[in-house]
């Protein structure tokens, strides 16, 4: 599949281009970036790849591509995805898929009407620690789970001057859109759409304009409660996962190693790809449990095989939770979700 990658910031350079370039059945045909330094990096790392200055160049040459990957700033995700579908191209869209569940539904309907595939990019479903949680639940070793705790916490006391920390709501710069979309998605994959949503969303750092600290509580059918934390102001960071069952508990600290490997320029694949140092393994009732290897490559392998690795409808459900979280925080109420 001839692939055009729109955007070559951290997302494009680390989370998309290396996998497109190394997945059999996919070709990194073009990269869209107007930044001279990033263009030079693309020439160095992917010498056979064409460089385009803006997304309109892709639409003008739509017949030269089969797949478009959108990893532009959040405010452009939906519009760029819409353009790709209108021009008859399958499309991968980085998170968040859209600014609202209604907008995401419109994209899914457009993809169906055009006979194209819409692939929301939720790579954290292939984190090794999350895969380990899934295996433990499937194996029943924790018993009946009643509480699922999940965190993405960072220590970044000084705000950055970037669109990700913009105070303009159209930029979708809130930490809930950034880290929260991953946490909510993972909770829904494990336990399904919740019945109620409660949230606290705050801006804590001096001179910060976007939300930088949030807590979301979800109540699922069957009595499972998900507690999700995301923060840029956590000097002391809690466990990445704490999963409590009536038989045992799984506790895991630290982050999946794939992101650091990608930032370091490591090529995906190989026998040690995504593997974690045993010192970082989580425990079940105090006994270390090997972390499943991370497998971000599985996302693009599925696309190359003609499958849709992430169902857009599941992402629509997650965006409904995000929308309810903002309502809850604004009204200081628990928000019920309809069917």
C-alpha atoms as a PDB file:
ATOM      1  CA  UNK A   1       0.000   0.000   0.000  1.00  0.00           C
ATOM      2  CA  UNK A   2       1.497   3.301  -1.131  1.00  0.00           C
ATOM      3  CA  UNK A   3       1.370   5.440   1.984  1.00  0.00           C
ATOM      4  CA  UNK A   4       1.511   9.203   2.458  1.00  0.00           C
ATOM      5  CA  UNK A   5       2.403  10.347   5.971  1.00  0.00           C
ATOM      6  CA  UNK A   6       1.033  13.807   6.789  1.00  0.00           C
ATOM      7  CA  UNK A   7       3.103  15.294   9.601  1.00  0.00           C
ATOM      8  CA  UNK A   8       6.610  14.520  10.789  1.00  0.00           C
ATOM      9  CA  UNK A   9       6.781  15.704  14.390  1.00  0.00           C
ATOM     10  CA  UNK A  10       7.312  13.211  17.202  1.00  0.00           C
ATOM     11  CA  UNK A  11       4.265  11.208  16.177  1.00  0.00           C
ATOM     12  CA  UNK A  12       5.177  10.905  12.526  1.00  0.00           C
ATOM     13  CA  UNK A  13       8.886  10.373  13.075  1.00  0.00           C
ATOM     14  CA  UNK A  14       8.677   7.908  15.975  1.00  0.00           C
ATOM     15  CA  UNK A  15       5.280   6.213  15.988  1.00  0.00           C
ATOM     16  CA  UNK A  16       4.388   5.968  12.295  1.00  0.00           C
ATOM     17  CA  UNK A  17       7.234   6.243   9.774  1.00  0.00           C
ATOM     18  CA  UNK A  18       9.391   3.429  11.259  1.00  0.00           C
ATOM     19  CA  UNK A  19       6.487   0.976  11.141  1.00  0.00           C
ATOM     20  CA  UNK A  20       5.259   1.970   7.690  1.00  0.00           C
ATOM     21  CA  UNK A  21       8.794   1.598   6.344  1.00  0.00           C
ATOM     22  CA  UNK A  22       9.372  -1.840   7.898  1.00  0.00           C
ATOM     23  CA  UNK A  23       5.966  -3.518   7.455  1.00  0.00           C
ATOM     24  CA  UNK A  24       5.776  -5.872   4.464  1.00  0.00           C
ATOM     25  CA  UNK A  25       2.949  -4.736   2.220  1.00  0.00           C
ATOM     26  CA  UNK A  26       3.362  -1.045   3.050  1.00  0.00           C
ATOM     27  CA  UNK A  27       5.590   1.561   1.407  1.00  0.00           C
ATOM     28  CA  UNK A  28       6.431   4.975   2.835  1.00  0.00           C
ATOM     29  CA  UNK A  29       5.870   6.735  -0.469  1.00  0.00           C
ATOM     30  CA  UNK A  30       5.676  10.346   0.721  1.00  0.00           C
ATOM     31  CA  UNK A  31       6.039  12.477   3.833  1.00  0.00           C
ATOM     32  CA  UNK A  32       4.327  15.842   4.171  1.00  0.00           C
ATOM     33  CA  UNK A  33       6.288  18.446   6.131  1.00  0.00           C
ATOM     34  CA  UNK A  34       7.286  22.022   5.392  1.00  0.00           C
ATOM     35  CA  UNK A  35       9.986  22.037   8.070  1.00  0.00           C
ATOM     36  CA  UNK A  36      13.470  22.058   6.512  1.00  0.00           C
ATOM     37  CA  UNK A  37      15.123  20.158   9.363  1.00  0.00           C
ATOM     38  CA  UNK A  38      12.473  17.466   9.267  1.00  0.00           C
ATOM     39  CA  UNK A  39      12.766  17.214   5.511  1.00  0.00           C
ATOM     40  CA  UNK A  40      16.500  16.636   5.925  1.00  0.00           C
ATOM     41  CA  UNK A  41      15.830  13.870   8.452  1.00  0.00           C
ATOM     42  CA  UNK A  42      13.402  12.156   6.076  1.00  0.00           C
ATOM     43  CA  UNK A  43      15.994  12.293   3.287  1.00  0.00           C
ATOM     44  CA  UNK A  44      18.553  10.733   5.600  1.00  0.00           C
ATOM     45  CA  UNK A  45      16.369   7.987   7.074  1.00  0.00           C
ATOM     46  CA  UNK A  46      14.122   7.246   4.084  1.00  0.00           C
ATOM     47  CA  UNK A  47      16.027   8.226   0.920  1.00  0.00           C
ATOM     48  CA  UNK A  48      13.445   6.715  -1.436  1.00  0.00           C
ATOM     49  CA  UNK A  49      10.561   8.700   0.025  1.00  0.00           C
ATOM     50  CA  UNK A  50       9.115  11.766  -1.708  1.00  0.00           C
ATOM     51  CA  UNK A  51       8.731  15.017   0.207  1.00  0.00           C
ATOM     52  CA  UNK A  52       5.610  17.154  -0.072  1.00  0.00           C
ATOM     53  CA  UNK A  53       5.070  20.593   1.440  1.00  0.00           C
ATOM     54  CA  UNK A  54       1.401  20.438   2.442  1.00  0.00           C
ATOM     55  CA  UNK A  55      -1.602  18.079   2.549  1.00  0.00           C
ATOM     56  CA  UNK A  56      -3.130  19.608  -0.580  1.00  0.00           C
ATOM     57  CA  UNK A  57      -0.259  18.023  -2.529  1.00  0.00           C
ATOM     58  CA  UNK A  58      -1.536  14.603  -1.394  1.00  0.00           C
ATOM     59  CA  UNK A  59      -5.090  15.330  -2.515  1.00  0.00           C
ATOM     60  CA  UNK A  60      -3.836  16.529  -5.929  1.00  0.00           C
ATOM     61  CA  UNK A  61      -1.869  13.290  -6.313  1.00  0.00           C
ATOM     62  CA  UNK A  62      -4.443  11.017  -4.663  1.00  0.00           C
ATOM     63  CA  UNK A  63      -4.145   8.449  -7.434  1.00  0.00           C
ATOM     64  CA  UNK A  64      -0.522   7.843  -6.403  1.00  0.00           C
ATOM     65  CA  UNK A  65      -1.491   6.603  -2.923  1.00  0.00           C
ATOM     66  CA  UNK A  66      -3.577   3.923  -1.233  1.00  0.00           C
ATOM     67  CA  UNK A  67      -3.297   4.988   2.396  1.00  0.00           C
ATOM     68  CA  UNK A  68      -2.917   8.318   4.202  1.00  0.00           C
ATOM     69  CA  UNK A  69      -1.645   8.605   7.780  1.00  0.00           C
ATOM     70  CA  UNK A  70      -2.734  11.767   9.609  1.00  0.00           C
ATOM     71  CA  UNK A  71      -0.447  12.833  12.448  1.00  0.00           C
ATOM     72  CA  UNK A  72      -0.940  16.580  12.317  1.00  0.00           C
ATOM     73  CA  UNK A  73      -1.936  18.800  15.285  1.00  0.00           C
ATOM     74  CA  UNK A  74      -5.173  17.602  16.894  1.00  0.00           C
ATOM     75  CA  UNK A  75      -7.398  20.343  15.489  1.00  0.00           C
ATOM     76  CA  UNK A  76      -6.759  19.078  11.928  1.00  0.00           C
ATOM     77  CA  UNK A  77      -7.299  15.342  12.496  1.00  0.00           C
ATOM     78  CA  UNK A  78     -10.937  15.206  11.442  1.00  0.00           C
ATOM     79  CA  UNK A  79     -10.628  17.582   8.479  1.00  0.00           C
ATOM     80  CA  UNK A  80      -7.582  15.798   7.058  1.00  0.00           C
ATOM     81  CA  UNK A  81      -9.241  12.411   7.555  1.00  0.00           C
ATOM     82  CA  UNK A  82     -12.347  13.690   5.782  1.00  0.00           C
ATOM     83  CA  UNK A  83     -10.281  14.895   2.826  1.00  0.00           C
ATOM     84  CA  UNK A  84      -8.520  11.542   2.544  1.00  0.00           C
ATOM     85  CA  UNK A  85     -11.812   9.645   2.493  1.00  0.00           C
ATOM     86  CA  UNK A  86     -13.382  12.043  -0.021  1.00  0.00           C
ATOM     87  CA  UNK A  87     -10.409  11.460  -2.317  1.00  0.00           C
ATOM     88  CA  UNK A  88     -10.913   7.692  -2.140  1.00  0.00           C
ATOM     89  CA  UNK A  89      -8.081   6.831   0.253  1.00  0.00           C
ATOM     90  CA  UNK A  90      -7.969   4.662   3.362  1.00  0.00           C
ATOM     91  CA  UNK A  91      -6.800   6.665   6.358  1.00  0.00           C
ATOM     92  CA  UNK A  92      -5.049   6.211   9.705  1.00  0.00           C
ATOM     93  CA  UNK A  93      -5.833   9.018  12.149  1.00  0.00           C
ATOM     94  CA  UNK A  94      -3.771   9.676  15.248  1.00  0.00           C
ATOM     95  CA  UNK A  95      -5.637  10.202  18.511  1.00  0.00           C
ATOM     96  CA  UNK A  96      -7.947  11.889  19.164  1.00  0.00           C
ATOM     97  CA  UNK A  97      -9.844  10.793  16.063  1.00  0.00           C
ATOM     98  CA  UNK A  98     -12.031  13.896  16.293  1.00  0.00           C
ATOM     99  CA  UNK A  99     -13.072  16.641  18.665  1.00  0.00           C
ATOM    100  CA  UNK A 100     -16.415  15.028  19.527  1.00  0.00           C
ATOM    101  CA  UNK A 101     -18.182  11.664  19.232  1.00  0.00           C
ATOM    102  CA  UNK A 102     -20.598  13.198  16.709  1.00  0.00           C
ATOM    103  CA  UNK A 103     -17.723  14.247  14.449  1.00  0.00           C
ATOM    104  CA  UNK A 104     -16.151  10.799  14.774  1.00  0.00           C
ATOM    105  CA  UNK A 105     -19.460   9.180  13.812  1.00  0.00           C
ATOM    106  CA  UNK A 106     -19.609  11.369  10.710  1.00  0.00           C
ATOM    107  CA  UNK A 107     -16.145  10.163   9.685  1.00  0.00           C
ATOM    108  CA  UNK A 108     -17.114   6.518  10.225  1.00  0.00           C
ATOM    109  CA  UNK A 109     -20.275   7.017   8.130  1.00  0.00           C
ATOM    110  CA  UNK A 110     -18.285   8.723   5.375  1.00  0.00           C
ATOM    111  CA  UNK A 111     -15.768   5.869   5.285  1.00  0.00           C
ATOM    112  CA  UNK A 112     -18.588   3.325   4.964  1.00  0.00           C
ATOM    113  CA  UNK A 113     -20.321   5.343   2.253  1.00  0.00           C
ATOM    114  CA  UNK A 114     -17.086   5.660   0.268  1.00  0.00           C
ATOM    115  CA  UNK A 115     -16.103   2.021   0.760  1.00  0.00           C
ATOM    116  CA  UNK A 116     -12.874   3.025   2.489  1.00  0.00           C
ATOM    117  CA  UNK A 117     -11.267   1.993   5.775  1.00  0.00           C
ATOM    118  CA  UNK A 118     -10.982   4.399   8.706  1.00  0.00           C
ATOM    119  CA  UNK A 119      -8.248   3.342  11.140  1.00  0.00           C
ATOM    120  CA  UNK A 120      -8.114   5.218  14.474  1.00  0.00           C
ATOM    121  CA  UNK A 121      -4.584   4.997  15.833  1.00  0.00           C
ATOM    122  CA  UNK A 122      -4.735   3.632  19.377  1.00  0.00           C
ATOM    123  CA  UNK A 123      -1.260   2.146  19.626  1.00  0.00           C
ATOM    124  CA  UNK A 124      -1.374   1.862  23.421  1.00  0.00           C
ATOM    125  CA  UNK A 125      -3.558  -1.218  23.018  1.00  0.00           C
ATOM    126  CA  UNK A 126      -0.257  -2.904  22.154  1.00  0.00           C
ATOM    127  CA  UNK A 127       1.711  -1.721  25.190  1.00  0.00           C
ATOM    128  CA  UNK A 128       3.345  -4.727  26.809  1.00  0.00           C
ATOM    129  CA  UNK A 129       1.978  -3.974  30.273  1.00  0.00           C
ATOM    130  CA  UNK A 130      -1.554  -3.517  28.941  1.00  0.00           C
ATOM    131  CA  UNK A 131      -1.250  -6.806  27.046  1.00  0.00           C
ATOM    132  CA  UNK A 132      -0.149  -8.385  30.326  1.00  0.00           C
ATOM    133  CA  UNK A 133      -3.240  -7.048  32.111  1.00  0.00           C
ATOM    134  CA  UNK A 134      -5.406  -8.522  29.363  1.00  0.00           C
ATOM    135  CA  UNK A 135      -3.704 -11.911  29.680  1.00  0.00           C
ATOM    136  CA  UNK A 136      -4.138 -11.934  33.456  1.00  0.00           C
ATOM    137  CA  UNK A 137      -7.832 -11.110  33.153  1.00  0.00           C
ATOM    138  CA  UNK A 138      -8.323 -13.768  30.486  1.00  0.00           C
ATOM    139  CA  UNK A 139      -6.514 -16.334  32.622  1.00  0.00           C
ATOM    140  CA  UNK A 140      -8.572 -15.566  35.706  1.00  0.00           C
ATOM    141  CA  UNK A 141      -5.585 -15.357  38.044  1.00  0.00           C
ATOM    142  CA  UNK A 142      -6.869 -12.152  39.672  1.00  0.00           C
ATOM    143  CA  UNK A 143     -10.367 -13.505  40.174  1.00  0.00           C
ATOM    144  CA  UNK A 144     -13.277 -11.131  39.737  1.00  0.00           C
ATOM    145  CA  UNK A 145     -11.833  -7.653  39.202  1.00  0.00           C
ATOM    146  CA  UNK A 146     -13.585  -4.854  41.079  1.00  0.00           C
ATOM    147  CA  UNK A 147     -11.169  -1.939  40.607  1.00  0.00           C
ATOM    148  CA  UNK A 148      -8.914  -0.968  37.694  1.00  0.00           C
ATOM    149  CA  UNK A 149      -6.417   1.852  38.282  1.00  0.00           C
ATOM    150  CA  UNK A 150      -4.388   3.268  35.414  1.00  0.00           C
ATOM    151  CA  UNK A 151      -2.034   6.254  35.228  1.00  0.00           C
ATOM    152  CA  UNK A 152      -0.025   8.317  32.779  1.00  0.00           C
ATOM    153  CA  UNK A 153       1.857  10.731  35.023  1.00  0.00           C
ATOM    154  CA  UNK A 154       4.779  12.998  34.185  1.00  0.00           C
ATOM    155  CA  UNK A 155       6.887  15.618  35.920  1.00  0.00           C
ATOM    156  CA  UNK A 156       6.891  18.648  33.640  1.00  0.00           C
ATOM    157  CA  UNK A 157       6.487  21.645  35.962  1.00  0.00           C
ATOM    158  CA  UNK A 158       7.194  24.179  33.208  1.00  0.00           C
ATOM    159  CA  UNK A 159       4.593  24.470  30.437  1.00  0.00           C
ATOM    160  CA  UNK A 160       5.770  24.267  26.844  1.00  0.00           C
ATOM    161  CA  UNK A 161       4.892  26.757  24.134  1.00  0.00           C
ATOM    162  CA  UNK A 162       3.175  24.345  21.769  1.00  0.00           C
ATOM    163  CA  UNK A 163      -0.251  23.560  20.367  1.00  0.00           C
ATOM    164  CA  UNK A 164      -0.457  20.612  22.764  1.00  0.00           C
ATOM    165  CA  UNK A 165      -0.616  23.083  25.644  1.00  0.00           C
ATOM    166  CA  UNK A 166      -2.749  25.707  23.936  1.00  0.00           C
ATOM    167  CA  UNK A 167      -5.688  27.212  25.754  1.00  0.00           C
ATOM    168  CA  UNK A 168      -7.761  27.428  22.562  1.00  0.00           C
ATOM    169  CA  UNK A 169     -10.428  24.687  22.803  1.00  0.00           C
ATOM    170  CA  UNK A 170     -10.196  24.155  19.032  1.00  0.00           C
ATOM    171  CA  UNK A 171      -6.609  22.933  19.472  1.00  0.00           C
ATOM    172  CA  UNK A 172      -7.800  20.011  21.658  1.00  0.00           C
ATOM    173  CA  UNK A 173      -4.725  20.609  23.788  1.00  0.00           C
ATOM    174  CA  UNK A 174      -6.098  19.318  27.094  1.00  0.00           C
ATOM    175  CA  UNK A 175      -4.222  16.515  28.825  1.00  0.00           C
ATOM    176  CA  UNK A 176      -7.517  14.623  28.605  1.00  0.00           C
ATOM    177  CA  UNK A 177      -7.271  14.657  24.795  1.00  0.00           C
ATOM    178  CA  UNK A 178      -3.566  13.787  24.944  1.00  0.00           C
ATOM    179  CA  UNK A 179      -3.059  11.111  27.598  1.00  0.00           C
ATOM    180  CA  UNK A 180      -6.655  10.594  28.661  1.00  0.00           C
ATOM    181  CA  UNK A 181      -7.767   9.231  25.296  1.00  0.00           C
ATOM    182  CA  UNK A 182      -5.332   6.339  25.776  1.00  0.00           C
ATOM    183  CA  UNK A 183      -6.425   5.605  29.339  1.00  0.00           C
ATOM    184  CA  UNK A 184     -10.128   5.729  28.518  1.00  0.00           C
ATOM    185  CA  UNK A 185      -9.647   3.559  25.432  1.00  0.00           C
ATOM    186  CA  UNK A 186      -7.795   0.894  27.427  1.00  0.00           C
ATOM    187  CA  UNK A 187     -10.454   0.827  30.147  1.00  0.00           C
ATOM    188  CA  UNK A 188     -13.214   0.389  27.577  1.00  0.00           C
ATOM    189  CA  UNK A 189     -11.320  -2.381  25.776  1.00  0.00           C
ATOM    190  CA  UNK A 190     -11.108  -4.317  29.041  1.00  0.00           C
ATOM    191  CA  UNK A 191     -14.481  -3.603  30.653  1.00  0.00           C
ATOM    192  CA  UNK A 192     -16.777  -2.084  28.054  1.00  0.00           C
ATOM    193  CA  UNK A 193     -18.661   1.186  27.860  1.00  0.00           C
ATOM    194  CA  UNK A 194     -19.276   2.617  31.339  1.00  0.00           C
ATOM    195  CA  UNK A 195     -22.648   3.549  32.793  1.00  0.00           C
ATOM    196  CA  UNK A 196     -21.449   6.705  34.562  1.00  0.00           C
ATOM    197  CA  UNK A 197     -18.540   9.152  34.325  1.00  0.00           C
ATOM    198  CA  UNK A 198     -17.138  11.407  37.045  1.00  0.00           C
ATOM    199  CA  UNK A 199     -14.148  13.683  36.397  1.00  0.00           C
ATOM    200  CA  UNK A 200     -11.927  16.384  37.854  1.00  0.00           C
ATOM    201  CA  UNK A 201     -10.068  18.378  35.183  1.00  0.00           C
ATOM    202  CA  UNK A 202      -7.694  21.152  36.253  1.00  0.00           C
ATOM    203  CA  UNK A 203      -4.974  23.547  35.123  1.00  0.00           C
ATOM    204  CA  UNK A 204      -2.350  23.672  37.874  1.00  0.00           C
ATOM    205  CA  UNK A 205       0.989  24.918  36.588  1.00  0.00           C
ATOM    206  CA  UNK A 206       1.884  28.581  36.614  1.00  0.00           C
ATOM    207  CA  UNK A 207       1.304  30.155  33.171  1.00  0.00           C
ATOM    208  CA  UNK A 208      -0.258  26.927  31.876  1.00  0.00           C
ATOM    209  CA  UNK A 209      -3.161  27.458  29.490  1.00  0.00           C
ATOM    210  CA  UNK A 210      -4.319  23.885  28.868  1.00  0.00           C
ATOM    211  CA  UNK A 211      -5.555  21.308  31.352  1.00  0.00           C
ATOM    212  CA  UNK A 212      -2.539  19.548  32.854  1.00  0.00           C
ATOM    213  CA  UNK A 213      -4.068  17.359  35.573  1.00  0.00           C
ATOM    214  CA  UNK A 214      -7.168  15.151  35.515  1.00  0.00           C
ATOM    215  CA  UNK A 215      -8.895  12.247  37.220  1.00  0.00           C
ATOM    216  CA  UNK A 216     -11.682  10.219  35.606  1.00  0.00           C
ATOM    217  CA  UNK A 217     -13.800   7.578  37.344  1.00  0.00           C
ATOM    218  CA  UNK A 218     -15.870   5.135  35.284  1.00  0.00           C
ATOM    219  CA  UNK A 219     -18.476   2.668  36.552  1.00  0.00           C
ATOM    220  CA  UNK A 220     -18.890  -0.323  34.259  1.00  0.00           C
ATOM    221  CA  UNK A 221     -21.559  -3.013  34.131  1.00  0.00           C
ATOM    222  CA  UNK A 222     -20.799  -5.801  36.565  1.00  0.00           C
ATOM    223  CA  UNK A 223     -19.494  -3.439  39.235  1.00  0.00           C
ATOM    224  CA  UNK A 224     -15.977  -2.794  37.936  1.00  0.00           C
ATOM    225  CA  UNK A 225     -14.765   0.741  38.644  1.00  0.00           C
ATOM    226  CA  UNK A 226     -11.969   2.300  36.564  1.00  0.00           C
ATOM    227  CA  UNK A 227      -9.936   5.104  38.131  1.00  0.00           C
ATOM    228  CA  UNK A 228      -7.791   6.945  35.599  1.00  0.00           C
ATOM    229  CA  UNK A 229      -5.169   9.587  36.396  1.00  0.00           C
ATOM    230  CA  UNK A 230      -3.229  11.807  34.006  1.00  0.00           C
ATOM    231  CA  UNK A 231      -0.913  14.605  35.083  1.00  0.00           C
ATOM    232  CA  UNK A 232       2.020  16.755  34.016  1.00  0.00           C
ATOM    233  CA  UNK A 233       2.688  17.737  37.636  1.00  0.00           C
ATOM    234  CA  UNK A 234       3.368  14.415  39.352  1.00  0.00           C
ATOM    235  CA  UNK A 235       6.848  14.532  40.842  1.00  0.00           C
ATOM    236  CA  UNK A 236       6.070  11.256  42.637  1.00  0.00           C
ATOM    237  CA  UNK A 237       4.379   8.887  40.212  1.00  0.00           C
ATOM    238  CA  UNK A 238       1.985   6.145  41.200  1.00  0.00           C
ATOM    239  CA  UNK A 239       1.771   2.679  39.663  1.00  0.00           C
ATOM    240  CA  UNK A 240       1.090   2.497  35.952  1.00  0.00           C
ATOM    241  CA  UNK A 241      -1.487  -0.219  36.714  1.00  0.00           C
ATOM    242  CA  UNK A 242      -3.105  -1.441  39.912  1.00  0.00           C
ATOM    243  CA  UNK A 243      -5.743  -4.070  39.193  1.00  0.00           C
ATOM    244  CA  UNK A 244      -7.625  -5.455  42.191  1.00  0.00           C
ATOM    245  CA  UNK A 245      -9.518  -8.730  42.097  1.00  0.00           C
ATOM    246  CA  UNK A 246     -11.117 -10.932  44.728  1.00  0.00           C
ATOM    247  CA  UNK A 247      -8.280 -13.449  44.389  1.00  0.00           C
ATOM    248  CA  UNK A 248      -5.159 -11.340  43.777  1.00  0.00           C
ATOM    249  CA  UNK A 249      -3.854  -7.957  42.588  1.00  0.00           C
ATOM    250  CA  UNK A 250      -1.541  -6.927  39.779  1.00  0.00           C
ATOM    251  CA  UNK A 251       0.679  -3.886  40.388  1.00  0.00           C
ATOM    252  CA  UNK A 252       2.988  -2.444  37.745  1.00  0.00           C
ATOM    253  CA  UNK A 253       5.224   0.642  37.748  1.00  0.00           C
ATOM    254  CA  UNK A 254       6.994   2.337  34.841  1.00  0.00           C
ATOM    255  CA  UNK A 255       6.148   2.833  31.201  1.00  0.00           C
ATOM    256  CA  UNK A 256       6.190   0.525  28.202  1.00  0.00           C
ATOM    257  CA  UNK A 257       9.713   0.652  26.659  1.00  0.00           C
ATOM    258  CA  UNK A 258       8.669   0.998  23.012  1.00  0.00           C
ATOM    259  CA  UNK A 259       8.357   4.786  23.076  1.00  0.00           C
ATOM    260  CA  UNK A 260      11.908   5.235  24.374  1.00  0.00           C
ATOM    261  CA  UNK A 261      13.177   2.730  21.819  1.00  0.00           C
ATOM    262  CA  UNK A 262      11.494   4.654  19.025  1.00  0.00           C
ATOM    263  CA  UNK A 263      12.754   8.031  20.248  1.00  0.00           C
ATOM    264  CA  UNK A 264      16.257   6.561  20.260  1.00  0.00           C
ATOM    265  CA  UNK A 265      15.872   5.612  16.597  1.00  0.00           C
ATOM    266  CA  UNK A 266      15.605   1.852  17.149  1.00  0.00           C
ATOM    267  CA  UNK A 267      14.138   0.026  14.160  1.00  0.00           C
ATOM    268  CA  UNK A 268      11.039  -1.974  15.115  1.00  0.00           C
ATOM    269  CA  UNK A 269      11.320  -5.724  15.150  1.00  0.00           C
ATOM    270  CA  UNK A 270      13.996  -8.134  16.233  1.00  0.00           C
ATOM    271  CA  UNK A 271      14.139 -10.528  19.187  1.00  0.00           C
ATOM    272  CA  UNK A 272      14.349  -7.867  21.913  1.00  0.00           C
ATOM    273  CA  UNK A 273      11.876  -5.356  20.459  1.00  0.00           C
ATOM    274  CA  UNK A 274       9.371  -4.249  23.084  1.00  0.00           C
ATOM    275  CA  UNK A 275      10.819  -6.456  25.810  1.00  0.00           C
ATOM    276  CA  UNK A 276      11.102  -5.091  29.316  1.00  0.00           C
ATOM    277  CA  UNK A 277      13.892  -5.423  31.861  1.00  0.00           C
ATOM    278  CA  UNK A 278      12.856  -7.998  34.485  1.00  0.00           C
ATOM    279  CA  UNK A 279      13.507  -5.382  37.160  1.00  0.00           C
ATOM    280  CA  UNK A 280      10.512  -3.464  35.809  1.00  0.00           C
ATOM    281  CA  UNK A 281       8.072  -6.389  35.736  1.00  0.00           C
ATOM    282  CA  UNK A 282       4.831  -6.069  37.646  1.00  0.00           C
ATOM    283  CA  UNK A 283       3.785  -8.417  40.419  1.00  0.00           C
ATOM    284  CA  UNK A 284       0.797 -10.545  41.310  1.00  0.00           C
ATOM    285  CA  UNK A 285       0.549 -10.831  45.089  1.00  0.00           C
ATOM    286  CA  UNK A 286       4.234  -9.927  45.304  1.00  0.00           C
ATOM    287  CA  UNK A 287       5.433 -12.457  42.717  1.00  0.00           C
ATOM    288  CA  UNK A 288       7.035 -10.957  39.570  1.00  0.00           C
ATOM    289  CA  UNK A 289       5.123 -11.581  36.351  1.00  0.00           C
ATOM    290  CA  UNK A 290       6.981 -11.262  33.020  1.00  0.00           C
ATOM    291  CA  UNK A 291       5.660  -8.369  30.962  1.00  0.00           C
ATOM    292  CA  UNK A 292       4.327  -9.378  27.561  1.00  0.00           C
ATOM    293  CA  UNK A 293       6.448  -7.912  24.726  1.00  0.00           C
ATOM    294  CA  UNK A 294       5.102  -4.638  23.385  1.00  0.00           C
ATOM    295  CA  UNK A 295       3.819  -4.944  19.841  1.00  0.00           C
ATOM    296  CA  UNK A 296       3.104  -1.596  18.182  1.00  0.00           C
ATOM    297  CA  UNK A 297       4.010  -3.238  14.888  1.00  0.00           C
ATOM    298  CA  UNK A 298       0.786  -5.264  15.081  1.00  0.00           C
ATOM    299  CA  UNK A 299      -1.282  -2.199  14.172  1.00  0.00           C
ATOM    300  CA  UNK A 300       0.285  -1.688  10.741  1.00  0.00           C
ATOM    301  CA  UNK A 301       0.654  -5.421  10.141  1.00  0.00           C
ATOM    302  CA  UNK A 302      -3.124  -5.722  10.450  1.00  0.00           C
ATOM    303  CA  UNK A 303      -3.664  -2.890   7.972  1.00  0.00           C
ATOM    304  CA  UNK A 304      -1.269  -4.510   5.488  1.00  0.00           C
ATOM    305  CA  UNK A 305      -3.247  -7.733   5.854  1.00  0.00           C
ATOM    306  CA  UNK A 306      -6.499  -5.929   4.974  1.00  0.00           C
ATOM    307  CA  UNK A 307      -7.924  -5.795   8.504  1.00  0.00           C
ATOM    308  CA  UNK A 308      -9.110  -2.885  10.647  1.00  0.00           C
ATOM    309  CA  UNK A 309      -7.106  -3.172  13.899  1.00  0.00           C
ATOM    310  CA  UNK A 310      -9.198  -0.617  15.833  1.00  0.00           C
ATOM    311  CA  UNK A 311     -12.975  -0.448  15.360  1.00  0.00           C
ATOM    312  CA  UNK A 312     -13.998   3.203  14.888  1.00  0.00           C
ATOM    313  CA  UNK A 313     -17.179   2.579  16.887  1.00  0.00           C
ATOM    314  CA  UNK A 314     -15.115   1.754  19.964  1.00  0.00           C
ATOM    315  CA  UNK A 315     -13.274   5.043  19.590  1.00  0.00           C
ATOM    316  CA  UNK A 316     -16.600   6.872  19.241  1.00  0.00           C
ATOM    317  CA  UNK A 317     -17.591   5.347  22.592  1.00  0.00           C
ATOM    318  CA  UNK A 318     -14.327   6.514  24.157  1.00  0.00           C
ATOM    319  CA  UNK A 319     -14.875  10.052  22.840  1.00  0.00           C
ATOM    320  CA  UNK A 320     -18.343  10.005  24.415  1.00  0.00           C
ATOM    321  CA  UNK A 321     -16.641   9.274  27.730  1.00  0.00           C
ATOM    322  CA  UNK A 322     -14.191  12.143  27.178  1.00  0.00           C
ATOM    323  CA  UNK A 323     -17.086  14.482  26.377  1.00  0.00           C
ATOM    324  CA  UNK A 324     -18.907  13.345  29.527  1.00  0.00           C
ATOM    325  CA  UNK A 325     -15.731  13.870  31.562  1.00  0.00           C
ATOM    326  CA  UNK A 326     -15.562  17.533  30.562  1.00  0.00           C
ATOM    327  CA  UNK A 327     -19.265  17.925  31.400  1.00  0.00           C
ATOM    328  CA  UNK A 328     -18.748  16.265  34.768  1.00  0.00           C
ATOM    329  CA  UNK A 329     -15.788  18.476  35.627  1.00  0.00           C
ATOM    330  CA  UNK A 330     -17.670  21.619  34.615  1.00  0.00           C
ATOM    331  CA  UNK A 331     -20.839  20.756  36.522  1.00  0.00           C
ATOM    332  CA  UNK A 332     -19.244  18.845  39.416  1.00  0.00           C
ATOM    333  CA  UNK A 333     -21.688  16.034  38.859  1.00  0.00           C
ATOM    334  CA  UNK A 334     -21.620  12.366  37.879  1.00  0.00           C
ATOM    335  CA  UNK A 335     -22.769  12.059  34.270  1.00  0.00           C
ATOM    336  CA  UNK A 336     -24.796   9.003  33.156  1.00  0.00           C
ATOM    337  CA  UNK A 337     -24.160   7.592  29.693  1.00  0.00           C
ATOM    338  CA  UNK A 338     -27.095   6.388  27.634  1.00  0.00           C
ATOM    339  CA  UNK A 339     -27.088   3.247  25.515  1.00  0.00           C
END
